Full PDB file with SEQRES, HELIX, SHEET, SSBOND, CRYST1, ORIGX, SCALE, CONECT and MASTER records, all heavy atoms in Angstrom:
SEQRES   1 A   37  GLY HIS MET LEU ALA ALA ILE ASP GLU VAL GLY PHE ALA          
SEQRES   2 A   37  GLU PRO VAL ARG SER ALA LEU ARG GLU TYR PHE GLU ARG          
SEQRES   3 A   37  ALA GLY THR PHE LEU ILE ASN HIS GLN ALA GLN                  
HELIX    1 AA1 HIS A    2  VAL A   10  1                                   9    
HELIX    2 AA2 VAL A   16  PHE A   30  1                                  15    
CRYST1    1.000    1.000    1.000  90.00  90.00  90.00 P 1           1          
ORIGX1      1.000000  0.000000  0.000000        0.00000                         
ORIGX2      0.000000  1.000000  0.000000        0.00000                         
ORIGX3      0.000000  0.000000  1.000000        0.00000                         
SCALE1      1.000000  0.000000  0.000000        0.00000                         
SCALE2      0.000000  1.000000  0.000000        0.00000                         
SCALE3      0.000000  0.000000  1.000000        0.00000                         
ATOM      1  N   GLY A   1       5.889   5.226  20.041  1.00  0.00           N  
ATOM      2  CA  GLY A   1       5.814   6.620  19.627  1.00  0.00           C  
ATOM      3  C   GLY A   1       6.725   6.968  18.458  1.00  0.00           C  
ATOM      4  O   GLY A   1       6.326   7.649  17.546  1.00  0.00           O  
ATOM      5  N   HIS A   2       7.880   6.546  18.484  1.00  0.00           N  
ATOM      6  CA  HIS A   2       8.810   6.856  17.382  1.00  0.00           C  
ATOM      7  C   HIS A   2       8.473   6.093  16.178  1.00  0.00           C  
ATOM      8  O   HIS A   2       8.514   6.708  15.032  1.00  0.00           O  
ATOM      9  CB  HIS A   2      10.329   6.397  17.766  1.00  0.00           C  
ATOM     10  CG  HIS A   2      10.869   7.117  18.889  1.00  0.00           C  
ATOM     11  ND1 HIS A   2      10.721   8.526  19.073  1.00  0.00           N  
ATOM     12  CD2 HIS A   2      11.627   6.736  19.933  1.00  0.00           C  
ATOM     13  CE1 HIS A   2      11.348   8.936  20.036  1.00  0.00           C  
ATOM     14  NE2 HIS A   2      11.879   7.884  20.701  1.00  0.00           N  
ATOM     15  N   MET A   3       7.967   4.889  16.285  1.00  0.00           N  
ATOM     16  CA  MET A   3       7.545   4.203  14.994  1.00  0.00           C  
ATOM     17  C   MET A   3       6.286   4.803  14.450  1.00  0.00           C  
ATOM     18  O   MET A   3       6.221   5.017  13.208  1.00  0.00           O  
ATOM     19  CB  MET A   3       7.299   2.641  15.408  1.00  0.00           C  
ATOM     20  CG  MET A   3       6.924   1.830  14.110  1.00  0.00           C  
ATOM     21  SD  MET A   3       8.203   1.819  12.823  1.00  0.00           S  
ATOM     22  CE  MET A   3       9.397   0.754  13.528  1.00  0.00           C  
ATOM     23  N   LEU A   4       5.241   5.201  15.243  1.00  0.00           N  
ATOM     24  CA  LEU A   4       4.081   5.810  14.720  1.00  0.00           C  
ATOM     25  C   LEU A   4       4.440   7.155  14.090  1.00  0.00           C  
ATOM     26  O   LEU A   4       3.926   7.437  12.964  1.00  0.00           O  
ATOM     27  CB  LEU A   4       3.125   5.974  15.796  1.00  0.00           C  
ATOM     28  CG  LEU A   4       2.567   4.773  16.466  1.00  0.00           C  
ATOM     29  CD1 LEU A   4       1.523   5.035  17.467  1.00  0.00           C  
ATOM     30  CD2 LEU A   4       2.051   3.709  15.439  1.00  0.00           C  
ATOM     31  N   ALA A   5       5.331   7.923  14.642  1.00  0.00           N  
ATOM     32  CA  ALA A   5       5.783   9.205  14.065  1.00  0.00           C  
ATOM     33  C   ALA A   5       6.493   8.897  12.672  1.00  0.00           C  
ATOM     34  O   ALA A   5       6.245   9.684  11.755  1.00  0.00           O  
ATOM     35  CB  ALA A   5       6.671   9.955  15.028  1.00  0.00           C  
ATOM     36  N   ALA A   6       7.314   7.827  12.629  1.00  0.00           N  
ATOM     37  CA  ALA A   6       8.017   7.602  11.401  1.00  0.00           C  
ATOM     38  C   ALA A   6       7.084   7.093  10.318  1.00  0.00           C  
ATOM     39  O   ALA A   6       7.212   7.457   9.194  1.00  0.00           O  
ATOM     40  CB  ALA A   6       9.081   6.494  11.659  1.00  0.00           C  
ATOM     41  N   ILE A   7       5.978   6.439  10.725  1.00  0.00           N  
ATOM     42  CA  ILE A   7       5.053   5.954   9.781  1.00  0.00           C  
ATOM     43  C   ILE A   7       4.299   7.224   9.161  1.00  0.00           C  
ATOM     44  O   ILE A   7       4.240   7.354   7.945  1.00  0.00           O  
ATOM     45  CB  ILE A   7       3.872   5.080  10.473  1.00  0.00           C  
ATOM     46  CG1 ILE A   7       4.541   3.670  10.703  1.00  0.00           C  
ATOM     47  CG2 ILE A   7       2.680   4.908   9.619  1.00  0.00           C  
ATOM     48  CD1 ILE A   7       3.740   2.808  11.554  1.00  0.00           C  
ATOM     49  N   ASP A   8       3.977   8.246  10.022  1.00  0.00           N  
ATOM     50  CA  ASP A   8       3.440   9.436   9.530  1.00  0.00           C  
ATOM     51  C   ASP A   8       4.366  10.248   8.693  1.00  0.00           C  
ATOM     52  O   ASP A   8       3.894  10.812   7.718  1.00  0.00           O  
ATOM     53  CB  ASP A   8       2.922  10.259  10.814  1.00  0.00           C  
ATOM     54  CG  ASP A   8       1.677   9.687  11.477  1.00  0.00           C  
ATOM     55  OD1 ASP A   8       1.006   8.748  10.889  1.00  0.00           O  
ATOM     56  OD2 ASP A   8       1.341  10.020  12.614  1.00  0.00           O  
ATOM     57  N   GLU A   9       5.621  10.285   9.030  1.00  0.00           N  
ATOM     58  CA  GLU A   9       6.613  11.020   8.223  1.00  0.00           C  
ATOM     59  C   GLU A   9       6.739  10.446   6.806  1.00  0.00           C  
ATOM     60  O   GLU A   9       6.914  11.208   5.955  1.00  0.00           O  
ATOM     61  CB  GLU A   9       7.982  11.031   8.957  1.00  0.00           C  
ATOM     62  CG  GLU A   9       7.994  11.869  10.186  1.00  0.00           C  
ATOM     63  CD  GLU A   9       9.352  11.702  11.027  1.00  0.00           C  
ATOM     64  OE1 GLU A   9      10.235  10.892  10.572  1.00  0.00           O  
ATOM     65  OE2 GLU A   9       9.511  12.456  11.916  1.00  0.00           O  
ATOM     66  N   VAL A  10       6.725   9.176   6.738  1.00  0.00           N  
ATOM     67  CA  VAL A  10       6.794   8.453   5.432  1.00  0.00           C  
ATOM     68  C   VAL A  10       5.592   8.792   4.573  1.00  0.00           C  
ATOM     69  O   VAL A  10       5.671   8.916   3.403  1.00  0.00           O  
ATOM     70  CB  VAL A  10       7.092   6.964   5.560  1.00  0.00           C  
ATOM     71  CG1 VAL A  10       7.105   6.270   4.219  1.00  0.00           C  
ATOM     72  CG2 VAL A  10       8.418   6.772   6.231  1.00  0.00           C  
ATOM     73  N   GLY A  11       4.463   8.953   5.247  1.00  0.00           N  
ATOM     74  CA  GLY A  11       3.214   9.308   4.512  1.00  0.00           C  
ATOM     75  C   GLY A  11       2.475   8.130   3.830  1.00  0.00           C  
ATOM     76  O   GLY A  11       1.931   8.292   2.764  1.00  0.00           O  
ATOM     77  N   PHE A  12       2.537   7.016   4.483  1.00  0.00           N  
ATOM     78  CA  PHE A  12       1.801   5.870   3.989  1.00  0.00           C  
ATOM     79  C   PHE A  12       0.322   6.187   3.863  1.00  0.00           C  
ATOM     80  O   PHE A  12      -0.265   6.713   4.797  1.00  0.00           O  
ATOM     81  CB  PHE A  12       2.010   4.626   4.961  1.00  0.00           C  
ATOM     82  CG  PHE A  12       3.274   4.030   4.903  1.00  0.00           C  
ATOM     83  CD1 PHE A  12       4.222   4.331   5.982  1.00  0.00           C  
ATOM     84  CD2 PHE A  12       3.723   3.163   3.938  1.00  0.00           C  
ATOM     85  CE1 PHE A  12       5.439   3.775   5.968  1.00  0.00           C  
ATOM     86  CE2 PHE A  12       4.989   2.560   3.989  1.00  0.00           C  
ATOM     87  CZ  PHE A  12       5.908   2.859   5.031  1.00  0.00           C  
ATOM     88  N   ALA A  13      -0.222   5.769   2.736  1.00  0.00           N  
ATOM     89  CA  ALA A  13      -1.665   5.904   2.548  1.00  0.00           C  
ATOM     90  C   ALA A  13      -2.525   4.749   3.264  1.00  0.00           C  
ATOM     91  O   ALA A  13      -1.902   3.670   3.406  1.00  0.00           O  
ATOM     92  CB  ALA A  13      -2.002   5.994   1.034  1.00  0.00           C  
ATOM     93  N   GLU A  14      -3.780   5.013   3.358  1.00  0.00           N  
ATOM     94  CA  GLU A  14      -4.610   3.891   3.892  1.00  0.00           C  
ATOM     95  C   GLU A  14      -4.784   2.891   2.766  1.00  0.00           C  
ATOM     96  O   GLU A  14      -4.751   3.253   1.599  1.00  0.00           O  
ATOM     97  CB  GLU A  14      -5.987   4.451   4.344  1.00  0.00           C  
ATOM     98  CG  GLU A  14      -5.904   5.358   5.581  1.00  0.00           C  
ATOM     99  CD  GLU A  14      -5.463   4.660   6.803  1.00  0.00           C  
ATOM    100  OE1 GLU A  14      -5.398   3.478   6.820  1.00  0.00           O  
ATOM    101  OE2 GLU A  14      -5.080   5.363   7.768  1.00  0.00           O  
ATOM    102  N   PRO A  15      -4.958   1.603   3.111  1.00  0.00           N  
ATOM    103  CA  PRO A  15      -4.998   0.956   4.382  1.00  0.00           C  
ATOM    104  C   PRO A  15      -3.683   0.619   5.044  1.00  0.00           C  
ATOM    105  O   PRO A  15      -3.621   0.092   6.067  1.00  0.00           O  
ATOM    106  CB  PRO A  15      -5.820  -0.267   4.130  1.00  0.00           C  
ATOM    107  CG  PRO A  15      -5.427  -0.685   2.768  1.00  0.00           C  
ATOM    108  CD  PRO A  15      -5.152   0.595   1.993  1.00  0.00           C  
ATOM    109  N   VAL A  16      -2.611   0.965   4.326  1.00  0.00           N  
ATOM    110  CA  VAL A  16      -1.288   0.585   4.765  1.00  0.00           C  
ATOM    111  C   VAL A  16      -0.950   1.295   6.097  1.00  0.00           C  
ATOM    112  O   VAL A  16      -0.473   0.646   7.089  1.00  0.00           O  
ATOM    113  CB  VAL A  16      -0.246   1.061   3.723  1.00  0.00           C  
ATOM    114  CG1 VAL A  16       1.146   0.855   4.262  1.00  0.00           C  
ATOM    115  CG2 VAL A  16      -0.377   0.236   2.468  1.00  0.00           C  
ATOM    116  N   ARG A  17      -1.207   2.624   6.247  1.00  0.00           N  
ATOM    117  CA  ARG A  17      -0.977   3.299   7.437  1.00  0.00           C  
ATOM    118  C   ARG A  17      -1.623   2.661   8.653  1.00  0.00           C  
ATOM    119  O   ARG A  17      -0.969   2.413   9.677  1.00  0.00           O  
ATOM    120  CB  ARG A  17      -1.477   4.775   7.321  1.00  0.00           C  
ATOM    121  CG  ARG A  17      -1.218   5.589   8.589  1.00  0.00           C  
ATOM    122  CD  ARG A  17      -1.704   7.095   8.427  1.00  0.00           C  
ATOM    123  NE  ARG A  17      -1.505   7.838   9.531  1.00  0.00           N  
ATOM    124  CZ  ARG A  17      -2.373   7.997  10.561  1.00  0.00           C  
ATOM    125  NH1 ARG A  17      -3.443   7.273  10.591  1.00  0.00           N  
ATOM    126  NH2 ARG A  17      -2.062   8.683  11.558  1.00  0.00           N  
ATOM    127  N   SER A  18      -2.855   2.322   8.623  1.00  0.00           N  
ATOM    128  CA  SER A  18      -3.540   1.717   9.715  1.00  0.00           C  
ATOM    129  C   SER A  18      -2.967   0.325  10.028  1.00  0.00           C  
ATOM    130  O   SER A  18      -2.838   0.008  11.189  1.00  0.00           O  
ATOM    131  CB  SER A  18      -5.145   1.585   9.481  1.00  0.00           C  
ATOM    132  OG  SER A  18      -5.649   2.905   9.469  1.00  0.00           O  
ATOM    133  N   ALA A  19      -2.758  -0.534   9.045  1.00  0.00           N  
ATOM    134  CA  ALA A  19      -2.141  -1.791   9.199  1.00  0.00           C  
ATOM    135  C   ALA A  19      -0.751  -1.765   9.984  1.00  0.00           C  
ATOM    136  O   ALA A  19      -0.570  -2.523  10.922  1.00  0.00           O  
ATOM    137  CB  ALA A  19      -1.992  -2.512   7.961  1.00  0.00           C  
ATOM    138  N   LEU A  20       0.064  -0.806   9.546  1.00  0.00           N  
ATOM    139  CA  LEU A  20       1.360  -0.653  10.189  1.00  0.00           C  
ATOM    140  C   LEU A  20       1.179  -0.123  11.669  1.00  0.00           C  
ATOM    141  O   LEU A  20       1.753  -0.646  12.570  1.00  0.00           O  
ATOM    142  CB  LEU A  20       2.202   0.383   9.446  1.00  0.00           C  
ATOM    143  CG  LEU A  20       2.692   0.002   7.991  1.00  0.00           C  
ATOM    144  CD1 LEU A  20       3.314   1.241   7.340  1.00  0.00           C  
ATOM    145  CD2 LEU A  20       3.557  -1.194   8.004  1.00  0.00           C  
ATOM    146  N   ARG A  21       0.434   0.830  11.816  1.00  0.00           N  
ATOM    147  CA  ARG A  21       0.089   1.366  13.168  1.00  0.00           C  
ATOM    148  C   ARG A  21      -0.398   0.255  14.121  1.00  0.00           C  
ATOM    149  O   ARG A  21       0.051   0.088  15.279  1.00  0.00           O  
ATOM    150  CB  ARG A  21      -0.820   2.585  13.115  1.00  0.00           C  
ATOM    151  CG  ARG A  21      -0.162   3.778  12.486  1.00  0.00           C  
ATOM    152  CD  ARG A  21      -1.053   4.940  12.356  1.00  0.00           C  
ATOM    153  NE  ARG A  21      -1.510   5.457  13.718  1.00  0.00           N  
ATOM    154  CZ  ARG A  21      -0.800   6.388  14.283  1.00  0.00           C  
ATOM    155  NH1 ARG A  21       0.322   6.875  13.783  1.00  0.00           N  
ATOM    156  NH2 ARG A  21      -1.102   6.829  15.559  1.00  0.00           N  
ATOM    157  N   GLU A  22      -1.354  -0.498  13.623  1.00  0.00           N  
ATOM    158  CA  GLU A  22      -1.964  -1.474  14.517  1.00  0.00           C  
ATOM    159  C   GLU A  22      -0.994  -2.585  14.846  1.00  0.00           C  
ATOM    160  O   GLU A  22      -0.933  -3.084  15.999  1.00  0.00           O  
ATOM    161  CB  GLU A  22      -3.195  -2.165  13.854  1.00  0.00           C  
ATOM    162  CG  GLU A  22      -4.434  -1.200  13.698  1.00  0.00           C  
ATOM    163  CD  GLU A  22      -5.480  -1.784  12.862  1.00  0.00           C  
ATOM    164  OE1 GLU A  22      -5.514  -2.933  12.499  1.00  0.00           O  
ATOM    165  OE2 GLU A  22      -6.350  -0.911  12.380  1.00  0.00           O  
ATOM    166  N   TYR A  23      -0.188  -3.014  13.851  1.00  0.00           N  
ATOM    167  CA  TYR A  23       0.832  -4.036  14.160  1.00  0.00           C  
ATOM    168  C   TYR A  23       1.905  -3.526  15.137  1.00  0.00           C  
ATOM    169  O   TYR A  23       2.218  -4.290  16.100  1.00  0.00           O  
ATOM    170  CB  TYR A  23       1.569  -4.477  12.848  1.00  0.00           C  
ATOM    171  CG  TYR A  23       2.766  -5.348  13.213  1.00  0.00           C  
ATOM    172  CD1 TYR A  23       2.524  -6.647  13.676  1.00  0.00           C  
ATOM    173  CD2 TYR A  23       4.013  -4.849  13.232  1.00  0.00           C  
ATOM    174  CE1 TYR A  23       3.548  -7.427  14.083  1.00  0.00           C  
ATOM    175  CE2 TYR A  23       5.100  -5.620  13.620  1.00  0.00           C  
ATOM    176  CZ  TYR A  23       4.900  -6.834  14.099  1.00  0.00           C  
ATOM    177  OH  TYR A  23       5.874  -7.727  14.454  1.00  0.00           O  
ATOM    178  N   PHE A  24       2.442  -2.387  14.936  1.00  0.00           N  
ATOM    179  CA  PHE A  24       3.525  -1.880  15.817  1.00  0.00           C  
ATOM    180  C   PHE A  24       3.041  -1.702  17.216  1.00  0.00           C  
ATOM    181  O   PHE A  24       3.779  -1.804  18.243  1.00  0.00           O  
ATOM    182  CB  PHE A  24       4.296  -0.678  15.164  1.00  0.00           C  
ATOM    183  CG  PHE A  24       5.166  -1.174  14.024  1.00  0.00           C  
ATOM    184  CD1 PHE A  24       4.904  -0.705  12.738  1.00  0.00           C  
ATOM    185  CD2 PHE A  24       6.192  -2.050  14.295  1.00  0.00           C  
ATOM    186  CE1 PHE A  24       5.662  -1.088  11.657  1.00  0.00           C  
ATOM    187  CE2 PHE A  24       6.978  -2.467  13.196  1.00  0.00           C  
ATOM    188  CZ  PHE A  24       6.807  -1.948  11.886  1.00  0.00           C  
ATOM    189  N   GLU A  25       1.743  -1.146  17.438  1.00  0.00           N  
ATOM    190  CA  GLU A  25       1.244  -1.014  18.747  1.00  0.00           C  
ATOM    191  C   GLU A  25       1.094  -2.355  19.463  1.00  0.00           C  
ATOM    192  O   GLU A  25       1.405  -2.459  20.560  1.00  0.00           O  
ATOM    193  CB  GLU A  25      -0.141  -0.290  18.625  1.00  0.00           C  
ATOM    194  CG  GLU A  25       0.095   1.235  18.307  1.00  0.00           C  
ATOM    195  CD  GLU A  25      -1.193   2.056  18.552  1.00  0.00           C  
ATOM    196  OE1 GLU A  25      -1.908   1.724  19.468  1.00  0.00           O  
ATOM    197  OE2 GLU A  25      -1.347   2.997  17.826  1.00  0.00           O  
ATOM    198  N   ARG A  26       0.627  -3.307  18.765  1.00  0.00           N  
ATOM    199  CA  ARG A  26       0.475  -4.695  19.342  1.00  0.00           C  
ATOM    200  C   ARG A  26       1.854  -5.247  19.652  1.00  0.00           C  
ATOM    201  O   ARG A  26       2.094  -5.914  20.663  1.00  0.00           O  
ATOM    202  CB  ARG A  26      -0.288  -5.633  18.380  1.00  0.00           C  
ATOM    203  CG  ARG A  26      -1.754  -5.532  18.405  1.00  0.00           C  
ATOM    204  CD  ARG A  26      -2.487  -6.723  17.615  1.00  0.00           C  
ATOM    205  NE  ARG A  26      -1.694  -7.246  16.479  1.00  0.00           N  
ATOM    206  CZ  ARG A  26      -1.778  -6.844  15.271  1.00  0.00           C  
ATOM    207  NH1 ARG A  26      -2.614  -5.881  14.888  1.00  0.00           N  
ATOM    208  NH2 ARG A  26      -1.066  -7.368  14.336  1.00  0.00           N  
ATOM    209  N   ALA A  27       2.755  -5.182  18.697  1.00  0.00           N  
ATOM    210  CA  ALA A  27       4.144  -5.703  18.929  1.00  0.00           C  
ATOM    211  C   ALA A  27       4.829  -5.149  20.018  1.00  0.00           C  
ATOM    212  O   ALA A  27       5.543  -5.713  20.802  1.00  0.00           O  
ATOM    213  CB  ALA A  27       4.930  -5.583  17.540  1.00  0.00           C  
ATOM    214  N   GLY A  28       4.775  -3.759  20.139  1.00  0.00           N  
ATOM    215  CA  GLY A  28       5.416  -3.175  21.257  1.00  0.00           C  
ATOM    216  C   GLY A  28       4.856  -3.607  22.567  1.00  0.00           C  
ATOM    217  O   GLY A  28       5.615  -3.823  23.504  1.00  0.00           O  
ATOM    218  N   THR A  29       3.607  -3.754  22.684  1.00  0.00           N  
ATOM    219  CA  THR A  29       2.979  -4.328  23.946  1.00  0.00           C  
ATOM    220  C   THR A  29       3.481  -5.842  24.141  1.00  0.00           C  
ATOM    221  O   THR A  29       3.781  -6.222  25.257  1.00  0.00           O  
ATOM    222  CB  THR A  29       1.449  -4.254  23.886  1.00  0.00           C  
ATOM    223  OG1 THR A  29       1.128  -2.878  23.670  1.00  0.00           O  
ATOM    224  CG2 THR A  29       0.808  -4.813  25.121  1.00  0.00           C  
ATOM    225  N   PHE A  30       3.503  -6.602  23.167  1.00  0.00           N  
ATOM    226  CA  PHE A  30       3.885  -7.922  23.250  1.00  0.00           C  
ATOM    227  C   PHE A  30       5.335  -8.069  23.800  1.00  0.00           C  
ATOM    228  O   PHE A  30       5.631  -9.041  24.445  1.00  0.00           O  
ATOM    229  CB  PHE A  30       3.770  -8.611  21.926  1.00  0.00           C  
ATOM    230  CG  PHE A  30       4.272 -10.050  21.758  1.00  0.00           C  
ATOM    231  CD1 PHE A  30       3.618 -11.068  22.304  1.00  0.00           C  
ATOM    232  CD2 PHE A  30       5.444 -10.298  21.012  1.00  0.00           C  
ATOM    233  CE1 PHE A  30       4.003 -12.392  22.269  1.00  0.00           C  
ATOM    234  CE2 PHE A  30       5.916 -11.648  20.939  1.00  0.00           C  
ATOM    235  CZ  PHE A  30       5.192 -12.681  21.565  1.00  0.00           C  
ATOM    236  N   LEU A  31       6.179  -7.167  23.490  1.00  0.00           N  
ATOM    237  CA  LEU A  31       7.600  -7.176  23.892  1.00  0.00           C  
ATOM    238  C   LEU A  31       7.839  -6.726  25.321  1.00  0.00           C  
ATOM    239  O   LEU A  31       8.974  -6.800  25.792  1.00  0.00           O  
ATOM    240  CB  LEU A  31       8.443  -6.590  22.892  1.00  0.00           C  
ATOM    241  CG  LEU A  31       8.417  -7.129  21.509  1.00  0.00           C  
ATOM    242  CD1 LEU A  31       9.285  -6.292  20.546  1.00  0.00           C  
ATOM    243  CD2 LEU A  31       9.042  -8.578  21.525  1.00  0.00           C  
ATOM    244  N   ILE A  32       6.821  -6.182  25.983  1.00  0.00           N  
ATOM    245  CA  ILE A  32       7.033  -5.791  27.341  1.00  0.00           C  
ATOM    246  C   ILE A  32       7.483  -7.038  28.181  1.00  0.00           C  
ATOM    247  O   ILE A  32       6.760  -8.062  28.166  1.00  0.00           O  
ATOM    248  CB  ILE A  32       5.781  -5.079  27.928  1.00  0.00           C  
ATOM    249  CG1 ILE A  32       5.586  -3.750  27.245  1.00  0.00           C  
ATOM    250  CG2 ILE A  32       5.940  -4.902  29.548  1.00  0.00           C  
ATOM    251  CD1 ILE A  32       4.248  -3.039  27.658  1.00  0.00           C  
ATOM    252  N   ASN A  33       8.575  -6.967  28.892  1.00  0.00           N  
ATOM    253  CA  ASN A  33       9.030  -8.006  29.744  1.00  0.00           C  
ATOM    254  C   ASN A  33       9.348  -7.575  31.134  1.00  0.00           C  
ATOM    255  O   ASN A  33      10.048  -8.324  31.907  1.00  0.00           O  
ATOM    256  CB  ASN A  33      10.233  -8.675  29.024  1.00  0.00           C  
ATOM    257  CG  ASN A  33      11.374  -7.770  28.900  1.00  0.00           C  
ATOM    258  OD1 ASN A  33      11.481  -6.718  29.489  1.00  0.00           O  
ATOM    259  ND2 ASN A  33      12.271  -8.124  27.983  1.00  0.00           N  
ATOM    260  N   HIS A  34       9.011  -6.361  31.441  1.00  0.00           N  
ATOM    261  CA  HIS A  34       9.386  -5.782  32.786  1.00  0.00           C  
ATOM    262  C   HIS A  34       8.193  -5.028  33.278  1.00  0.00           C  
ATOM    263  O   HIS A  34       7.784  -4.134  32.636  1.00  0.00           O  
ATOM    264  CB  HIS A  34      10.576  -4.944  32.745  1.00  0.00           C  
ATOM    265  CG  HIS A  34      11.011  -4.364  33.956  1.00  0.00           C  
ATOM    266  ND1 HIS A  34      11.603  -5.132  35.017  1.00  0.00           N  
ATOM    267  CD2 HIS A  34      10.822  -3.147  34.503  1.00  0.00           C  
ATOM    268  CE1 HIS A  34      11.821  -4.270  36.101  1.00  0.00           C  
ATOM    269  NE2 HIS A  34      11.404  -3.130  35.764  1.00  0.00           N  
ATOM    270  N   GLN A  35       7.645  -5.383  34.459  1.00  0.00           N  
ATOM    271  CA  GLN A  35       6.582  -4.554  35.083  1.00  0.00           C  
ATOM    272  C   GLN A  35       7.085  -3.756  36.300  1.00  0.00           C  
ATOM    273  O   GLN A  35       7.911  -4.306  37.057  1.00  0.00           O  
ATOM    274  CB  GLN A  35       5.467  -5.525  35.525  1.00  0.00           C  
ATOM    275  CG  GLN A  35       4.867  -6.364  34.465  1.00  0.00           C  
ATOM    276  CD  GLN A  35       4.131  -5.539  33.376  1.00  0.00           C  
ATOM    277  OE1 GLN A  35       3.487  -4.473  33.692  1.00  0.00           O  
ATOM    278  NE2 GLN A  35       4.234  -5.958  32.204  1.00  0.00           N  
ATOM    279  N   ALA A  36       6.777  -2.506  36.288  1.00  0.00           N  
ATOM    280  CA  ALA A  36       7.135  -1.646  37.462  1.00  0.00           C  
ATOM    281  C   ALA A  36       6.471  -2.193  38.683  1.00  0.00           C  
ATOM    282  O   ALA A  36       5.361  -2.747  38.655  1.00  0.00           O  
ATOM    283  CB  ALA A  36       6.731  -0.151  37.252  1.00  0.00           C  
ATOM    284  N   GLN A  37       7.202  -2.117  39.833  1.00  0.00           N  
ATOM    285  CA  GLN A  37       6.681  -2.561  41.066  1.00  0.00           C  
ATOM    286  C   GLN A  37       5.670  -1.511  41.592  1.00  0.00           C  
ATOM    287  O   GLN A  37       6.086  -0.336  41.824  1.00  0.00           O  
ATOM    288  CB  GLN A  37       7.745  -2.797  42.068  1.00  0.00           C  
ATOM    289  CG  GLN A  37       8.747  -3.931  41.654  1.00  0.00           C  
ATOM    290  CD  GLN A  37       8.011  -5.249  41.617  1.00  0.00           C  
ATOM    291  OE1 GLN A  37       7.207  -5.539  42.430  1.00  0.00           O  
ATOM    292  NE2 GLN A  37       8.428  -6.175  40.750  1.00  0.00           N  
TER     293      GLN A  37                                                      
MASTER        0    0    0    2    0    0    0    6  292    1    0    3          
END                                                                             
C-alpha cells in the first residue's frame, strides 16, 4: 500500500506506472514468510 501510494505520488506515466505496480504487488506477495494460524 505504501509503495503503490508512493508510485502515485511520483506521478509515473503509463506504461511505467502499471509495470511498477504489478511488480511490487507480486514482490510483496513473494516475500510473505508467515501465515496466520
